[in-house]
Amino acid sequence: MEQYLPTLIMLAITVAFTALILFPTRFKFGTDLVRFYWIGFWVFLAMISFVAGGSQVLSLAGFQIDDIAVAALTGILTSFVLFVVFAWVRLAGAAMFEGFRRIRKTA
């Protein structure tokens, strides 16, 4: 714990950047489905930045957490990719279903 100032600076940057990433979750959208995926997308990005920044803060403080940080970051990144792919398929499917419903309604 000999490097207090760099550790505090990195902690402040991590907290500020994570808070900045969470700001877009305040915007409202028309449907609950789109809002759910919008918030989920930004929360995943905030978790990624928090884990990455937190591991650097602990590293600067002198803790050896490399394996844990890499495992956590790998798990979060994999979950993020699966979440985005699932959201894209779900939203595209909902849009196609709505389009087919409108076409059948007018015909």
C-alpha atoms as a PDB file:
ATOM      1  CA  MET A   1       0.000   0.000   0.000  1.00  0.00           C
ATOM      2  CA  GLU A   2       2.892   2.360  -0.742  1.00  0.00           C
ATOM      3  CA  GLN A   3       1.214   4.065  -3.698  1.00  0.00           C
ATOM      4  CA  TYR A   4      -1.777   5.914  -2.284  1.00  0.00           C
ATOM      5  CA  LEU A   5      -2.069   8.760  -4.791  1.00  0.00           C
ATOM      6  CA  PRO A   6      -2.067   6.671  -8.018  1.00  0.00           C
ATOM      7  CA  THR A   7      -4.501   4.242  -6.396  1.00  0.00           C
ATOM      8  CA  LEU A   8      -6.890   7.039  -5.409  1.00  0.00           C
ATOM      9  CA  ILE A   9      -6.637   8.639  -8.856  1.00  0.00           C
ATOM     10  CA  MET A  10      -7.418   5.323 -10.556  1.00  0.00           C
ATOM     11  CA  LEU A  11     -10.316   4.720  -8.153  1.00  0.00           C
ATOM     12  CA  ALA A  12     -11.754   8.177  -8.921  1.00  0.00           C
ATOM     13  CA  ILE A  13     -11.399   7.610 -12.669  1.00  0.00           C
ATOM     14  CA  THR A  14     -13.072   4.194 -12.404  1.00  0.00           C
ATOM     15  CA  VAL A  15     -16.010   5.519 -10.377  1.00  0.00           C
ATOM     16  CA  ALA A  16     -16.455   8.563 -12.643  1.00  0.00           C
ATOM     17  CA  PHE A  17     -16.260   6.521 -15.846  1.00  0.00           C
ATOM     18  CA  THR A  18     -18.694   3.901 -14.539  1.00  0.00           C
ATOM     19  CA  ALA A  19     -21.146   6.621 -13.468  1.00  0.00           C
ATOM     20  CA  LEU A  20     -20.812   8.250 -16.890  1.00  0.00           C
ATOM     21  CA  ILE A  21     -21.570   4.944 -18.594  1.00  0.00           C
ATOM     22  CA  LEU A  22     -24.732   4.537 -16.487  1.00  0.00           C
ATOM     23  CA  PHE A  23     -26.074   7.987 -17.492  1.00  0.00           C
ATOM     24  CA  PRO A  24     -27.865   6.840 -20.701  1.00  0.00           C
ATOM     25  CA  THR A  25     -30.073   4.483 -18.648  1.00  0.00           C
ATOM     26  CA  ARG A  26     -32.096   7.554 -17.627  1.00  0.00           C
ATOM     27  CA  PHE A  27     -33.555   7.951 -21.137  1.00  0.00           C
ATOM     28  CA  LYS A  28     -37.053   6.546 -21.632  1.00  0.00           C
ATOM     29  CA  PHE A  29     -38.290   4.550 -24.613  1.00  0.00           C
ATOM     30  CA  GLY A  30     -41.731   3.601 -25.880  1.00  0.00           C
ATOM     31  CA  THR A  31     -41.830  -0.116 -25.175  1.00  0.00           C
ATOM     32  CA  ASP A  32     -40.770  -1.988 -22.084  1.00  0.00           C
ATOM     33  CA  LEU A  33     -38.861  -4.536 -24.169  1.00  0.00           C
ATOM     34  CA  VAL A  34     -36.607  -1.935 -25.786  1.00  0.00           C
ATOM     35  CA  ARG A  35     -36.141  -0.188 -22.428  1.00  0.00           C
ATOM     36  CA  PHE A  36     -35.104  -3.473 -20.791  1.00  0.00           C
ATOM     37  CA  TYR A  37     -32.423  -4.153 -23.405  1.00  0.00           C
ATOM     38  CA  TRP A  38     -31.280  -0.503 -23.417  1.00  0.00           C
ATOM     39  CA  ILE A  39     -30.698  -0.563 -19.646  1.00  0.00           C
ATOM     40  CA  GLY A  40     -29.158  -4.044 -19.791  1.00  0.00           C
ATOM     41  CA  PHE A  41     -26.684  -2.957 -22.471  1.00  0.00           C
ATOM     42  CA  TRP A  42     -25.437  -0.007 -20.413  1.00  0.00           C
ATOM     43  CA  VAL A  43     -25.358  -1.980 -17.148  1.00  0.00           C
ATOM     44  CA  PHE A  44     -23.169  -4.631 -18.792  1.00  0.00           C
ATOM     45  CA  LEU A  45     -20.796  -1.932 -20.073  1.00  0.00           C
ATOM     46  CA  ALA A  46     -20.675  -0.416 -16.575  1.00  0.00           C
ATOM     47  CA  MET A  47     -19.887  -3.823 -15.058  1.00  0.00           C
ATOM     48  CA  ILE A  48     -17.075  -4.359 -17.551  1.00  0.00           C
ATOM     49  CA  SER A  49     -15.537  -0.962 -16.788  1.00  0.00           C
ATOM     50  CA  PHE A  50     -16.009  -1.454 -13.044  1.00  0.00           C
ATOM     51  CA  VAL A  51     -14.292  -4.857 -12.981  1.00  0.00           C
ATOM     52  CA  ALA A  52     -11.462  -3.709 -15.256  1.00  0.00           C
ATOM     53  CA  GLY A  53     -10.906  -0.500 -13.300  1.00  0.00           C
ATOM     54  CA  GLY A  54     -11.318  -2.227  -9.952  1.00  0.00           C
ATOM     55  CA  SER A  55      -8.698  -4.810 -10.828  1.00  0.00           C
ATOM     56  CA  GLN A  56      -6.279  -2.015 -11.746  1.00  0.00           C
ATOM     57  CA  VAL A  57      -6.999  -0.216  -8.467  1.00  0.00           C
ATOM     58  CA  LEU A  58      -6.290  -3.370  -6.481  1.00  0.00           C
ATOM     59  CA  SER A  59      -3.181  -4.023  -8.560  1.00  0.00           C
ATOM     60  CA  LEU A  60      -1.887  -0.517  -7.821  1.00  0.00           C
ATOM     61  CA  ALA A  61      -2.640  -1.101  -4.133  1.00  0.00           C
ATOM     62  CA  GLY A  62      -0.334  -4.112  -4.180  1.00  0.00           C
ATOM     63  CA  PHE A  63      -2.814  -6.995  -4.269  1.00  0.00           C
ATOM     64  CA  GLN A  64      -2.236  -9.979  -6.559  1.00  0.00           C
ATOM     65  CA  ILE A  65      -5.641 -10.567  -8.140  1.00  0.00           C
ATOM     66  CA  ASP A  66      -4.728 -11.183 -11.775  1.00  0.00           C
ATOM     67  CA  ASP A  67      -6.361 -14.610 -12.117  1.00  0.00           C
ATOM     68  CA  ILE A  68      -9.592 -13.549 -10.414  1.00  0.00           C
ATOM     69  CA  ALA A  69      -9.868 -10.354 -12.467  1.00  0.00           C
ATOM     70  CA  VAL A  70      -9.244 -12.151 -15.747  1.00  0.00           C
ATOM     71  CA  ALA A  71     -11.813 -14.832 -14.892  1.00  0.00           C
ATOM     72  CA  ALA A  72     -14.427 -12.247 -13.858  1.00  0.00           C
ATOM     73  CA  LEU A  73     -13.813 -10.107 -16.929  1.00  0.00           C
ATOM     74  CA  THR A  74     -13.975 -13.132 -19.236  1.00  0.00           C
ATOM     75  CA  GLY A  75     -17.274 -14.221 -17.712  1.00  0.00           C
ATOM     76  CA  ILE A  76     -18.792 -10.751 -17.946  1.00  0.00           C
ATOM     77  CA  LEU A  77     -17.627 -10.269 -21.540  1.00  0.00           C
ATOM     78  CA  THR A  78     -19.061 -13.638 -22.560  1.00  0.00           C
ATOM     79  CA  SER A  79     -22.357 -12.810 -20.857  1.00  0.00           C
ATOM     80  CA  PHE A  80     -22.400  -9.407 -22.566  1.00  0.00           C
ATOM     81  CA  VAL A  81     -21.958 -10.933 -26.028  1.00  0.00           C
ATOM     82  CA  LEU A  82     -24.713 -13.485 -25.359  1.00  0.00           C
ATOM     83  CA  PHE A  83     -27.009 -10.743 -24.036  1.00  0.00           C
ATOM     84  CA  VAL A  84     -26.478  -8.568 -27.124  1.00  0.00           C
ATOM     85  CA  VAL A  85     -27.023 -11.472 -29.536  1.00  0.00           C
ATOM     86  CA  PHE A  86     -30.158 -12.609 -27.696  1.00  0.00           C
ATOM     87  CA  ALA A  87     -31.481  -9.031 -27.600  1.00  0.00           C
ATOM     88  CA  TRP A  88     -30.880  -8.567 -31.318  1.00  0.00           C
ATOM     89  CA  VAL A  89     -32.660 -11.829 -32.180  1.00  0.00           C
ATOM     90  CA  ARG A  90     -35.558 -11.033 -29.844  1.00  0.00           C
ATOM     91  CA  LEU A  91     -36.033  -7.467 -31.096  1.00  0.00           C
ATOM     92  CA  ALA A  92     -35.677  -8.484 -34.759  1.00  0.00           C
ATOM     93  CA  GLY A  93     -38.169 -11.306 -34.235  1.00  0.00           C
ATOM     94  CA  ALA A  94     -40.635  -8.977 -32.516  1.00  0.00           C
ATOM     95  CA  ALA A  95     -40.330  -6.453 -35.371  1.00  0.00           C
ATOM     96  CA  MET A  96     -40.841  -9.147 -38.020  1.00  0.00           C
ATOM     97  CA  PHE A  97     -43.829 -10.572 -36.154  1.00  0.00           C
ATOM     98  CA  GLU A  98     -45.381  -7.107 -35.898  1.00  0.00           C
ATOM     99  CA  GLY A  99     -44.748  -6.475 -39.609  1.00  0.00           C
ATOM    100  CA  PHE A 100     -46.368  -9.777 -40.610  1.00  0.00           C
ATOM    101  CA  ARG A 101     -49.315  -9.034 -38.321  1.00  0.00           C
ATOM    102  CA  ARG A 102     -49.862  -5.636 -39.961  1.00  0.00           C
ATOM    103  CA  ILE A 103     -49.568  -7.092 -43.470  1.00  0.00           C
ATOM    104  CA  ARG A 104     -52.102  -9.803 -42.679  1.00  0.00           C
ATOM    105  CA  LYS A 105     -54.419  -7.264 -41.044  1.00  0.00           C
ATOM    106  CA  THR A 106     -54.488  -5.021 -44.142  1.00  0.00           C
ATOM    107  CA  ALA A 107     -54.868  -7.894 -46.620  1.00  0.00           C
END
